[in-house]
């Protein structure tokens, strides 16, 4: 994962190396597997070094050192490699870890370097996220095809079981909300499924990479007014995706959505989207507060919604291409009506 590019950034920032702890998502980004009780040392030049507990059994392409005392062994290693200024990710380090490091080496925060590095996806990352989307959509299809759920938690349990069948983790705890509950974007309760709009927000994680898709269905008999609300959100969502291309200011995307919503704009109570990768929420944030521009290789979510006495949200995962965009999520967006439970 962009090791040479990262090492170049270290040199540009006058850092002799970087250290990542095993719980840091950036550790997984470079190692591409979970290794408990481990540290990753990335010198500004040369091969990566994985310091591993003798309790762990791991095969890796990088140099591996079995440590007895992680900080004692690290100190010797830093001395041998003449690393005097070490980059660390202060957003994923404990006070105790930082204190121990401060006794053996000078450190500087590199969170922004790591964030910017991960914004642009490699071909391999794109394929993994597309696969995560595909597996997620298969579960969504099963939910609709065999809808015999009585409670919202029944749907969540079904999703969790299907994820396990596919040997996948969940990107986040699924949101399943019916009726008025759908008016809460991050609803997490468990009520009997009721008539009205029915929101499912779900994503599987495939080989460490996340999907994030939301579809709104309808339970029972739909009124013309309700269909009008849904089609309005859908039209805006489709139109904004057409505007995605390199160089576009992120804030302009959300500004467009809010303008098109008109009087309903006050019921759009979250940002338009976010980056997607090894974490379900990554840079860039698709918001009026952002000053970033879209770049080729970014994967972002686009999820306009309105929340009042009901809730409607439609979310897709979108790859920014050289000339525009490509949808990674393919599940139908025309409103699917499910007979009353």
Protein backbone atom coordinates (compact mmCIF):
# COMPACT_ATOMS: atom_id res chain seq x y z
CA UNK A 1 0.00 0.00 0.00
CA UNK A 2 1.82 3.11 -1.27
CA UNK A 3 4.88 2.37 0.87
CA UNK A 4 7.35 4.24 -1.36
CA UNK A 5 5.03 7.26 -1.54
CA UNK A 6 4.69 7.30 2.24
CA UNK A 7 8.46 7.04 2.72
CA UNK A 8 8.87 9.98 0.33
CA UNK A 9 6.48 12.02 2.48
CA UNK A 10 8.53 11.15 5.56
CA UNK A 11 11.70 12.44 3.91
CA UNK A 12 9.93 15.63 2.78
CA UNK A 13 8.83 16.24 6.36
CA UNK A 14 12.32 15.56 7.74
CA UNK A 15 11.27 12.41 9.56
CA UNK A 16 13.59 9.42 9.86
CA UNK A 17 10.73 6.95 10.14
CA UNK A 18 7.23 6.24 11.44
CA UNK A 19 5.81 3.90 14.06
CA UNK A 20 2.27 2.47 14.05
CA UNK A 21 0.61 0.38 16.75
CA UNK A 22 -1.52 -2.65 15.89
CA UNK A 23 -4.86 -1.04 16.80
CA UNK A 24 -4.29 1.83 14.38
CA UNK A 25 -6.22 1.40 11.08
CA UNK A 26 -3.09 2.63 9.31
CA UNK A 27 -1.24 -0.41 10.68
CA UNK A 28 -3.68 -2.62 8.76
CA UNK A 29 -3.34 -0.36 5.72
CA UNK A 30 0.36 -1.20 5.38
CA UNK A 31 0.44 -4.74 6.81
CA UNK A 32 -2.88 -5.83 5.19
CA UNK A 33 -3.68 -8.15 8.08
CA UNK A 34 -4.47 -7.98 11.78
CA UNK A 35 -1.54 -8.83 14.05
CA UNK A 36 -2.23 -8.33 17.75
CA UNK A 37 0.39 -6.93 20.14
CA UNK A 38 2.59 -5.69 17.30
CA UNK A 39 4.33 -2.52 16.14
CA UNK A 40 5.17 -1.50 12.60
CA UNK A 41 8.34 0.51 12.03
CA UNK A 42 8.59 2.23 8.65
CA UNK A 43 12.04 3.78 8.09
CA UNK A 44 12.15 6.68 5.63
CA UNK A 45 14.36 4.44 3.50
CA UNK A 46 14.57 0.67 3.35
CA UNK A 47 12.33 -2.22 4.31
CA UNK A 48 9.44 -2.21 6.75
CA UNK A 49 9.96 -3.95 10.10
CA UNK A 50 7.22 -5.71 12.04
CA UNK A 51 7.90 -6.15 15.75
CA UNK A 52 5.83 -9.12 16.85
CA UNK A 53 5.11 -10.76 20.18
CA UNK A 54 6.33 -14.34 20.47
CA UNK A 55 2.69 -15.26 21.12
CA UNK A 56 1.70 -14.32 17.56
CA UNK A 57 2.10 -16.56 14.53
CA UNK A 58 2.26 -14.38 11.42
CA UNK A 59 3.51 -14.71 7.85
CA UNK A 60 4.48 -11.41 6.24
CA UNK A 61 6.38 -9.96 3.28
CA UNK A 62 8.27 -7.56 5.55
CA UNK A 63 11.14 -8.10 7.96
CA UNK A 64 9.87 -9.62 11.20
CA UNK A 65 11.45 -9.28 14.63
CA UNK A 66 10.18 -11.26 17.62
CA UNK A 67 10.49 -8.98 20.61
CA UNK A 68 11.08 -9.77 24.27
CA UNK A 69 10.46 -6.24 25.50
CA UNK A 70 8.85 -4.07 22.76
CA UNK A 71 10.22 -0.71 23.91
CA UNK A 72 13.66 -2.00 24.79
CA UNK A 73 13.96 -3.75 21.43
CA UNK A 74 12.53 -0.73 19.65
CA UNK A 75 15.09 1.55 21.28
CA UNK A 76 17.96 -0.60 19.99
CA UNK A 77 16.39 -0.78 16.54
CA UNK A 78 15.96 3.00 16.34
CA UNK A 79 19.57 3.45 17.37
CA UNK A 80 20.85 0.96 14.79
CA UNK A 81 18.83 2.67 12.04
CA UNK A 82 19.80 6.16 13.26
CA UNK A 83 16.17 7.19 13.61
CA UNK A 84 16.15 10.35 15.73
CA UNK A 85 12.81 11.89 14.67
CA UNK A 86 9.91 9.45 14.56
CA UNK A 87 6.45 10.06 13.09
CA UNK A 88 3.49 8.78 15.14
CA UNK A 89 -0.27 8.93 14.69
CA UNK A 90 -1.36 10.80 17.81
CA UNK A 91 -5.05 10.09 17.13
CA UNK A 92 -4.38 6.36 17.61
CA UNK A 93 -1.91 6.21 20.47
CA UNK A 94 -2.44 6.03 24.22
CA UNK A 95 -0.94 8.44 26.75
CA UNK A 96 1.10 5.55 28.15
CA UNK A 97 2.46 4.61 24.72
CA UNK A 98 3.44 8.18 23.93
CA UNK A 99 5.10 8.62 27.30
CA UNK A 100 7.20 5.48 26.80
CA UNK A 101 8.20 6.59 23.30
CA UNK A 102 9.20 10.04 24.55
CA UNK A 103 11.86 8.40 26.71
CA UNK A 104 13.64 6.85 23.74
CA UNK A 105 13.02 9.12 20.72
CA UNK A 106 11.66 12.49 19.59
CA UNK A 107 8.26 12.24 17.94
CA UNK A 108 6.00 14.28 15.67
CA UNK A 109 2.38 13.76 14.63
CA UNK A 110 1.80 12.41 11.10
CA UNK A 111 -1.99 11.97 11.15
CA UNK A 112 -2.50 14.37 8.22
CA UNK A 113 0.11 12.56 6.10
CA UNK A 114 -1.63 9.24 6.68
CA UNK A 115 -5.10 10.69 6.06
CA UNK A 116 -4.07 12.20 2.73
CA UNK A 117 -2.29 9.01 1.69
CA UNK A 118 -5.40 6.88 2.18
CA UNK A 119 -7.79 9.25 0.38
CA UNK A 120 -6.73 7.99 -3.05
CA UNK A 121 -7.43 4.29 -3.51
CA UNK A 122 -5.25 1.81 -5.40
CA UNK A 123 -6.71 -0.62 -7.96
CA UNK A 124 -6.55 -3.39 -5.36
CA UNK A 125 -8.43 -1.29 -2.81
CA UNK A 126 -11.12 -0.39 -5.34
CA UNK A 127 -11.67 -4.07 -6.16
CA UNK A 128 -12.03 -4.94 -2.47
CA UNK A 129 -14.55 -2.17 -1.84
CA UNK A 130 -16.52 -3.17 -4.95
CA UNK A 131 -16.61 -6.75 -3.64
CA UNK A 132 -17.78 -5.50 -0.23
CA UNK A 133 -20.57 -3.60 -2.00
CA UNK A 134 -21.58 -6.66 -4.01
CA UNK A 135 -21.77 -8.91 -0.93
CA UNK A 136 -23.78 -6.25 0.93
CA UNK A 137 -26.26 -5.96 -1.94
CA UNK A 138 -26.80 -9.73 -2.01
CA UNK A 139 -27.97 -9.53 1.61
CA UNK A 140 -30.23 -6.59 0.78
CA UNK A 141 -31.80 -8.62 -2.04
CA UNK A 142 -32.47 -11.52 0.34
CA UNK A 143 -34.15 -9.19 2.83
CA UNK A 144 -36.54 -7.86 0.19
CA UNK A 145 -37.21 -11.20 -1.48
CA UNK A 146 -38.11 -13.05 1.71
CA UNK A 147 -39.50 -10.30 3.90
CA UNK A 148 -41.03 -12.04 6.90
CA UNK A 149 -39.57 -9.91 9.68
CA UNK A 150 -41.71 -8.59 12.54
CA UNK A 151 -39.22 -6.46 14.46
CA UNK A 152 -36.37 -4.20 13.38
CA UNK A 153 -33.90 -6.30 15.36
CA UNK A 154 -34.95 -9.36 13.33
CA UNK A 155 -33.54 -7.67 10.23
CA UNK A 156 -30.31 -6.71 12.01
CA UNK A 157 -29.84 -10.29 13.21
CA UNK A 158 -30.43 -11.59 9.68
CA UNK A 159 -27.76 -9.22 8.33
CA UNK A 160 -25.25 -10.33 10.97
CA UNK A 161 -25.86 -14.01 10.23
CA UNK A 162 -25.51 -13.49 6.47
CA UNK A 163 -22.28 -11.56 7.02
CA UNK A 164 -20.87 -14.50 8.98
CA UNK A 165 -21.92 -16.89 6.18
CA UNK A 166 -19.80 -14.77 3.83
CA UNK A 167 -16.87 -14.77 6.30
CA UNK A 168 -17.18 -11.00 6.59
CA UNK A 169 -17.32 -8.47 9.38
CA UNK A 170 -19.78 -5.60 9.39
CA UNK A 171 -18.48 -2.11 8.56
CA UNK A 172 -20.76 -0.76 11.32
CA UNK A 173 -23.84 -1.78 13.27
CA UNK A 174 -26.70 -1.84 10.72
CA UNK A 175 -29.39 0.82 10.94
CA UNK A 176 -32.88 -0.63 10.51
CA UNK A 177 -35.69 1.87 11.08
CA UNK A 178 -39.39 1.79 10.21
CA UNK A 179 -42.15 4.38 10.41
CA UNK A 180 -41.27 7.42 12.54
CA UNK A 181 -38.06 5.71 13.64
CA UNK A 182 -36.68 6.36 10.14
CA UNK A 183 -36.68 10.08 10.96
CA UNK A 184 -33.64 9.44 13.19
CA UNK A 185 -30.54 9.02 10.95
CA UNK A 186 -28.65 6.91 13.53
CA UNK A 187 -31.61 5.08 15.05
CA UNK A 188 -30.60 1.99 17.04
CA UNK A 189 -33.81 0.81 18.72
CA UNK A 190 -35.99 -2.24 18.26
CA UNK A 191 -39.65 -1.69 17.54
CA UNK A 192 -42.23 -3.70 15.67
CA UNK A 193 -41.97 -2.94 11.96
CA UNK A 194 -44.65 -0.41 11.07
CA UNK A 195 -46.30 0.98 7.97
CA UNK A 196 -44.38 3.71 6.20
CA UNK A 197 -40.87 4.35 4.96
CA UNK A 198 -38.38 1.68 6.00
CA UNK A 199 -34.66 2.57 6.01
CA UNK A 200 -31.84 0.02 5.94
CA UNK A 201 -28.26 1.32 6.18
CA UNK A 202 -25.73 -1.51 6.03
CA UNK A 203 -22.22 -2.41 4.91
CA UNK A 204 -20.01 -5.47 4.92
CA UNK A 205 -16.25 -5.37 5.27
CA UNK A 206 -14.34 -7.48 2.73
CA UNK A 207 -10.66 -8.17 3.42
CA UNK A 208 -10.58 -5.09 5.64
CA UNK A 209 -12.42 -2.72 3.27
CA UNK A 210 -15.87 -1.26 3.89
CA UNK A 211 -19.11 -0.88 1.97
CA UNK A 212 -21.86 1.52 3.06
CA UNK A 213 -25.23 1.46 1.33
CA UNK A 214 -28.64 2.82 2.33
CA UNK A 215 -31.96 2.07 0.69
CA UNK A 216 -35.41 3.26 1.71
CA UNK A 217 -38.33 0.91 1.13
CA UNK A 218 -42.01 1.33 1.90
CA UNK A 219 -44.14 -0.95 4.08
CA UNK A 220 -47.87 -1.05 3.19
CA UNK A 221 -49.93 1.21 0.94
CA UNK A 222 -48.11 4.26 -0.39
CA UNK A 223 -49.77 7.66 -0.88
CA UNK A 224 -49.04 9.94 -3.85
CA UNK A 225 -47.57 12.54 -1.51
CA UNK A 226 -45.17 9.99 0.01
CA UNK A 227 -44.08 8.84 -3.44
CA UNK A 228 -43.46 12.48 -4.39
CA UNK A 229 -41.17 12.94 -1.36
CA UNK A 230 -39.21 9.81 -2.26
CA UNK A 231 -38.82 10.65 -5.93
CA UNK A 232 -37.62 14.14 -5.05
CA UNK A 233 -34.75 12.75 -2.94
CA UNK A 234 -33.97 10.15 -5.61
CA UNK A 235 -33.83 12.74 -8.40
CA UNK A 236 -31.48 14.95 -6.38
CA UNK A 237 -29.26 11.99 -5.53
CA UNK A 238 -28.99 10.91 -9.17
CA UNK A 239 -28.28 14.46 -10.34
CA UNK A 240 -25.56 15.11 -7.80
CA UNK A 241 -23.75 11.88 -8.75
CA UNK A 242 -23.63 13.16 -12.35
CA UNK A 243 -21.71 16.22 -11.10
CA UNK A 244 -18.91 14.18 -9.55
CA UNK A 245 -15.54 14.48 -11.29
CA UNK A 246 -11.96 15.46 -10.43
CA UNK A 247 -11.53 19.11 -9.50
CA UNK A 248 -15.07 19.65 -8.21
CA UNK A 249 -15.20 21.42 -4.86
CA UNK A 250 -16.69 19.09 -2.26
CA UNK A 251 -18.77 21.82 -0.66
CA UNK A 252 -20.48 22.59 -3.98
CA UNK A 253 -22.03 19.11 -3.99
CA UNK A 254 -23.83 19.63 -0.70
CA UNK A 255 -24.70 23.22 -1.59
CA UNK A 256 -26.47 21.93 -4.71
CA UNK A 257 -28.45 19.37 -2.70
CA UNK A 258 -29.56 21.92 -0.14
CA UNK A 259 -30.62 24.36 -2.85
CA UNK A 260 -32.62 21.70 -4.69
CA UNK A 261 -34.41 20.62 -1.50
CA UNK A 262 -35.85 24.11 -1.14
CA UNK A 263 -38.16 24.36 1.88
CA UNK A 264 -37.22 20.79 2.86
CA UNK A 265 -33.55 21.77 3.27
CA UNK A 266 -34.03 22.22 7.02
CA UNK A 267 -34.95 18.51 7.21
CA UNK A 268 -31.57 17.45 5.73
CA UNK A 269 -29.72 17.24 9.03
CA UNK A 270 -26.35 15.66 8.20
CA UNK A 271 -23.56 16.09 5.66
CA UNK A 272 -23.92 14.69 2.15
CA UNK A 273 -21.34 11.94 2.50
CA UNK A 274 -17.83 10.83 3.39
CA UNK A 275 -14.82 8.95 2.16
CA UNK A 276 -14.77 5.16 2.37
CA UNK A 277 -11.95 2.66 2.83
CA UNK A 278 -10.57 0.58 5.71
CA UNK A 279 -12.78 2.77 7.90
CA UNK A 280 -16.39 3.46 7.08
CA UNK A 281 -15.83 7.19 7.61
CA UNK A 282 -12.66 8.51 6.03
CA UNK A 283 -11.52 11.70 4.33
CA UNK A 284 -12.84 13.58 2.50
CA UNK A 285 -15.99 14.69 4.32
CA UNK A 286 -18.59 15.68 1.70
CA UNK A 287 -19.83 18.80 3.42
CA UNK A 288 -20.34 22.53 2.96
CA UNK A 289 -17.67 22.93 5.64
CA UNK A 290 -14.98 21.24 3.55
CA UNK A 291 -12.48 23.08 1.35
CA UNK A 292 -11.28 19.94 -0.45
CA UNK A 293 -11.61 19.06 -4.11
CA UNK A 294 -12.43 15.66 -5.56
CA UNK A 295 -9.53 13.67 -7.00
CA UNK A 296 -9.35 10.63 -9.23
CA UNK A 297 -9.25 7.47 -7.11
CA UNK A 298 -11.34 8.78 -4.21
CA UNK A 299 -14.27 6.64 -3.10
CA UNK A 300 -17.05 8.62 -1.47
CA UNK A 301 -20.62 8.07 -0.33
CA UNK A 302 -23.49 10.24 -1.55
CA UNK A 303 -26.43 10.07 0.87
CA UNK A 304 -29.00 12.89 0.74
CA UNK A 305 -32.01 12.48 3.01
CA UNK A 306 -34.95 14.23 4.60
CA UNK A 307 -36.14 13.62 8.15
CA UNK A 308 -39.45 14.92 9.47
CA UNK A 309 -42.41 12.76 10.53
CA UNK A 310 -40.75 10.13 8.35
CA UNK A 311 -37.26 9.45 7.04
CA UNK A 312 -35.89 8.92 3.53
CA UNK A 313 -32.21 8.35 2.72
CA UNK A 314 -30.59 6.95 -0.42
CA UNK A 315 -26.87 6.20 -0.30
CA UNK A 316 -24.42 4.95 -2.90
CA UNK A 317 -20.67 4.36 -2.92
CA UNK A 318 -19.06 6.25 -5.79
CA UNK A 319 -15.59 6.06 -7.36
CA UNK A 320 -14.18 9.29 -8.78
CA UNK A 321 -12.74 8.44 -12.21
CA UNK A 322 -10.56 10.45 -14.60
CA UNK A 323 -13.56 11.98 -16.38
CA UNK A 324 -16.44 11.55 -13.94
CA UNK A 325 -17.63 8.83 -11.61
CA UNK A 326 -18.62 5.18 -11.42
CA UNK A 327 -21.18 3.65 -9.09
CA UNK A 328 -19.84 0.78 -7.00
CA UNK A 329 -23.31 0.07 -5.56
CA UNK A 330 -25.84 -1.30 -8.03
CA UNK A 331 -28.90 -2.12 -5.92
CA UNK A 332 -32.09 -0.65 -7.49
CA UNK A 333 -33.14 2.78 -6.25
CA UNK A 334 -36.68 2.95 -7.58
CA UNK A 335 -38.95 2.65 -4.55
CA UNK A 336 -39.67 -0.97 -3.61
CA UNK A 337 -42.99 -1.47 -1.82
CA UNK A 338 -43.22 -4.34 0.66
CA UNK A 339 -46.71 -5.61 1.56
CA UNK A 340 -47.78 -4.79 5.10
CA UNK A 341 -46.13 -7.06 7.66
